[in-house]
Amino acid sequence: MERIDPTQDGNTPRNWRASIAAASTPQALLQRKCCGITPWITNSQNSTVQAGIPITVTANVQGATSVNLKYIINFGSSVIISMLDDGLNGDGSAGRRCIWSDNPGAIG
């Protein structure tokens, strides 16, 4: 196993991946060089999809300073909107890492 980013917490499972080295390499430089670890997204949910009604999407996110939601309606072009964690836009209290977005698109 190799630690992806030695500057980050070694107790975080997402900071580890399988080694590509042929043999054990304790204390050796990483074979895969990375900076930072990927965000951790849990508890993603969306409201019921109904024609003409905005869809609310929520998720808990760790390890990200901003999150964008990308969506496509009826095979059209993709749209990217910011998801919020500011306590002002239906996301609950600020800083909970529970992000929220109302998808303004309508299916129908």
C-alpha atoms as a PDB file:
ATOM      1  CA  MET A   1       0.000   0.000   0.000  1.00  0.00           C
ATOM      2  CA  GLU A   2       1.124   3.534  -0.677  1.00  0.00           C
ATOM      3  CA  ARG A   3       0.073   6.698   1.050  1.00  0.00           C
ATOM      4  CA  ILE A   4      -1.177   9.090  -1.614  1.00  0.00           C
ATOM      5  CA  ASP A   5      -0.267  12.311   0.140  1.00  0.00           C
ATOM      6  CA  PRO A   6       2.211  12.060   3.027  1.00  0.00           C
ATOM      7  CA  THR A   7       1.250  15.548   4.208  1.00  0.00           C
ATOM      8  CA  GLN A   8      -2.334  14.395   4.870  1.00  0.00           C
ATOM      9  CA  ASP A   9      -3.793  12.192   7.615  1.00  0.00           C
ATOM     10  CA  GLY A  10      -2.589   8.578   7.314  1.00  0.00           C
ATOM     11  CA  ASN A  11      -5.705   7.365   9.169  1.00  0.00           C
ATOM     12  CA  THR A  12      -7.946   8.463   6.298  1.00  0.00           C
ATOM     13  CA  PRO A  13      -8.727   5.404   4.116  1.00  0.00           C
ATOM     14  CA  ARG A  14      -8.966   7.480   0.954  1.00  0.00           C
ATOM     15  CA  ASN A  15      -5.305   8.507   1.447  1.00  0.00           C
ATOM     16  CA  TRP A  16      -4.123   4.979   0.536  1.00  0.00           C
ATOM     17  CA  ARG A  17      -4.001   2.969  -2.673  1.00  0.00           C
ATOM     18  CA  ALA A  18      -2.396  -0.212  -3.941  1.00  0.00           C
ATOM     19  CA  SER A  19       1.316   0.050  -4.642  1.00  0.00           C
ATOM     20  CA  ILE A  20       2.610  -0.524  -8.156  1.00  0.00           C
ATOM     21  CA  ALA A  21       6.110  -1.405  -6.876  1.00  0.00           C
ATOM     22  CA  ALA A  22       7.373  -4.936  -7.578  1.00  0.00           C
ATOM     23  CA  ALA A  23       8.473  -5.506  -3.970  1.00  0.00           C
ATOM     24  CA  SER A  24       8.019  -4.007  -0.523  1.00  0.00           C
ATOM     25  CA  THR A  25       9.401  -0.472  -0.364  1.00  0.00           C
ATOM     26  CA  PRO A  26       9.195   0.827   3.218  1.00  0.00           C
ATOM     27  CA  GLN A  27      10.297   4.446   3.508  1.00  0.00           C
ATOM     28  CA  ALA A  28      10.801   4.649  -0.275  1.00  0.00           C
ATOM     29  CA  LEU A  29       9.490   7.484  -2.391  1.00  0.00           C
ATOM     30  CA  LEU A  30       5.998   6.953  -3.710  1.00  0.00           C
ATOM     31  CA  GLN A  31       5.630   5.362  -7.117  1.00  0.00           C
ATOM     32  CA  ARG A  32       2.471   7.383  -7.730  1.00  0.00           C
ATOM     33  CA  LYS A  33       3.049  11.025  -7.004  1.00  0.00           C
ATOM     34  CA  CYS A  34      -0.029  12.977  -5.968  1.00  0.00           C
ATOM     35  CA  CYS A  35      -0.839  16.129  -4.142  1.00  0.00           C
ATOM     36  CA  GLY A  36      -3.920  16.059  -1.961  1.00  0.00           C
ATOM     37  CA  ILE A  37      -6.533  13.369  -1.603  1.00  0.00           C
ATOM     38  CA  THR A  38      -9.872  13.164  -3.330  1.00  0.00           C
ATOM     39  CA  PRO A  39     -13.021  14.523  -1.664  1.00  0.00           C
ATOM     40  CA  TRP A  40     -15.181  12.074   0.270  1.00  0.00           C
ATOM     41  CA  ILE A  41     -18.865  12.257  -0.654  1.00  0.00           C
ATOM     42  CA  THR A  42     -21.496  10.489   1.466  1.00  0.00           C
ATOM     43  CA  ASN A  43     -25.243  10.647   2.008  1.00  0.00           C
ATOM     44  CA  SER A  44     -26.035  12.068  -1.430  1.00  0.00           C
ATOM     45  CA  GLN A  45     -29.780  12.417  -1.880  1.00  0.00           C
ATOM     46  CA  ASN A  46     -32.178  14.089  -4.273  1.00  0.00           C
ATOM     47  CA  SER A  47     -35.812  15.049  -4.062  1.00  0.00           C
ATOM     48  CA  THR A  48     -38.472  13.259  -6.089  1.00  0.00           C
ATOM     49  CA  VAL A  49     -38.227  13.999  -9.797  1.00  0.00           C
ATOM     50  CA  GLN A  50     -41.424  15.615 -11.057  1.00  0.00           C
ATOM     51  CA  ALA A  51     -42.052  17.549 -14.263  1.00  0.00           C
ATOM     52  CA  GLY A  52     -41.662  21.304 -13.762  1.00  0.00           C
ATOM     53  CA  ILE A  53     -40.450  21.037 -10.130  1.00  0.00           C
ATOM     54  CA  PRO A  54     -36.820  21.916  -9.185  1.00  0.00           C
ATOM     55  CA  ILE A  55     -34.810  18.978  -7.855  1.00  0.00           C
ATOM     56  CA  THR A  56     -33.038  19.440  -4.526  1.00  0.00           C
ATOM     57  CA  VAL A  57     -29.705  17.629  -4.175  1.00  0.00           C
ATOM     58  CA  THR A  58     -27.847  17.276  -0.853  1.00  0.00           C
ATOM     59  CA  ALA A  59     -24.622  15.503   0.099  1.00  0.00           C
ATOM     60  CA  ASN A  60     -22.045  15.428   2.885  1.00  0.00           C
ATOM     61  CA  VAL A  61     -18.605  16.310   1.495  1.00  0.00           C
ATOM     62  CA  GLN A  62     -15.222  16.188   3.225  1.00  0.00           C
ATOM     63  CA  GLY A  63     -11.954  17.370   1.737  1.00  0.00           C
ATOM     64  CA  ALA A  64     -13.299  20.016  -0.633  1.00  0.00           C
ATOM     65  CA  THR A  65     -13.521  23.790  -0.401  1.00  0.00           C
ATOM     66  CA  SER A  66     -16.187  24.021  -3.110  1.00  0.00           C
ATOM     67  CA  VAL A  67     -18.479  21.588  -4.903  1.00  0.00           C
ATOM     68  CA  ASN A  68     -20.184  21.849  -8.262  1.00  0.00           C
ATOM     69  CA  LEU A  69     -23.156  19.832  -9.474  1.00  0.00           C
ATOM     70  CA  LYS A  70     -23.217  18.908 -13.148  1.00  0.00           C
ATOM     71  CA  TYR A  71     -26.506  17.813 -14.672  1.00  0.00           C
ATOM     72  CA  ILE A  72     -28.109  17.169 -18.043  1.00  0.00           C
ATOM     73  CA  ILE A  73     -31.807  17.331 -18.874  1.00  0.00           C
ATOM     74  CA  ASN A  74     -33.343  15.425 -21.784  1.00  0.00           C
ATOM     75  CA  PHE A  75     -29.958  14.715 -23.420  1.00  0.00           C
ATOM     76  CA  GLY A  76     -29.225  18.446 -23.755  1.00  0.00           C
ATOM     77  CA  SER A  77     -26.054  20.290 -22.885  1.00  0.00           C
ATOM     78  CA  SER A  78     -24.571  19.858 -19.433  1.00  0.00           C
ATOM     79  CA  VAL A  79     -25.123  22.588 -16.855  1.00  0.00           C
ATOM     80  CA  ILE A  80     -22.837  23.202 -13.857  1.00  0.00           C
ATOM     81  CA  ILE A  81     -24.063  24.952 -10.703  1.00  0.00           C
ATOM     82  CA  SER A  82     -22.387  25.564  -7.335  1.00  0.00           C
ATOM     83  CA  MET A  83     -23.577  23.662  -4.304  1.00  0.00           C
ATOM     84  CA  LEU A  84     -23.721  25.680  -1.098  1.00  0.00           C
ATOM     85  CA  ASP A  85     -22.828  25.276   2.571  1.00  0.00           C
ATOM     86  CA  ASP A  86     -23.400  28.820   3.783  1.00  0.00           C
ATOM     87  CA  GLY A  87     -26.444  28.383   6.014  1.00  0.00           C
ATOM     88  CA  LEU A  88     -28.431  30.826   3.870  1.00  0.00           C
ATOM     89  CA  ASN A  89     -29.808  28.727   1.045  1.00  0.00           C
ATOM     90  CA  GLY A  90     -31.671  25.774   2.519  1.00  0.00           C
ATOM     91  CA  ASP A  91     -28.531  23.837   3.462  1.00  0.00           C
ATOM     92  CA  GLY A  92     -29.038  23.979   7.230  1.00  0.00           C
ATOM     93  CA  SER A  93     -26.368  25.622   9.374  1.00  0.00           C
ATOM     94  CA  ALA A  94     -23.133  26.750   7.715  1.00  0.00           C
ATOM     95  CA  GLY A  95     -20.001  24.626   7.807  1.00  0.00           C
ATOM     96  CA  ARG A  96     -21.669  21.263   8.401  1.00  0.00           C
ATOM     97  CA  ARG A  97     -20.233  19.908   5.146  1.00  0.00           C
ATOM     98  CA  CYS A  98     -23.816  19.249   4.097  1.00  0.00           C
ATOM     99  CA  ILE A  99     -24.130  20.931   0.746  1.00  0.00           C
ATOM    100  CA  TRP A 100     -27.308  21.820  -1.037  1.00  0.00           C
ATOM    101  CA  SER A 101     -28.475  22.903  -4.429  1.00  0.00           C
ATOM    102  CA  ASP A 102     -31.787  23.423  -6.159  1.00  0.00           C
ATOM    103  CA  ASN A 103     -31.484  22.257  -9.737  1.00  0.00           C
ATOM    104  CA  PRO A 104     -33.537  24.872 -11.585  1.00  0.00           C
ATOM    105  CA  GLY A 105     -34.022  22.587 -14.561  1.00  0.00           C
ATOM    106  CA  ALA A 106     -37.360  21.008 -15.220  1.00  0.00           C
ATOM    107  CA  ILE A 107     -37.997  17.617 -16.733  1.00  0.00           C
ATOM    108  CA  GLY A 108     -41.024  17.253 -18.852  1.00  0.00           C
END
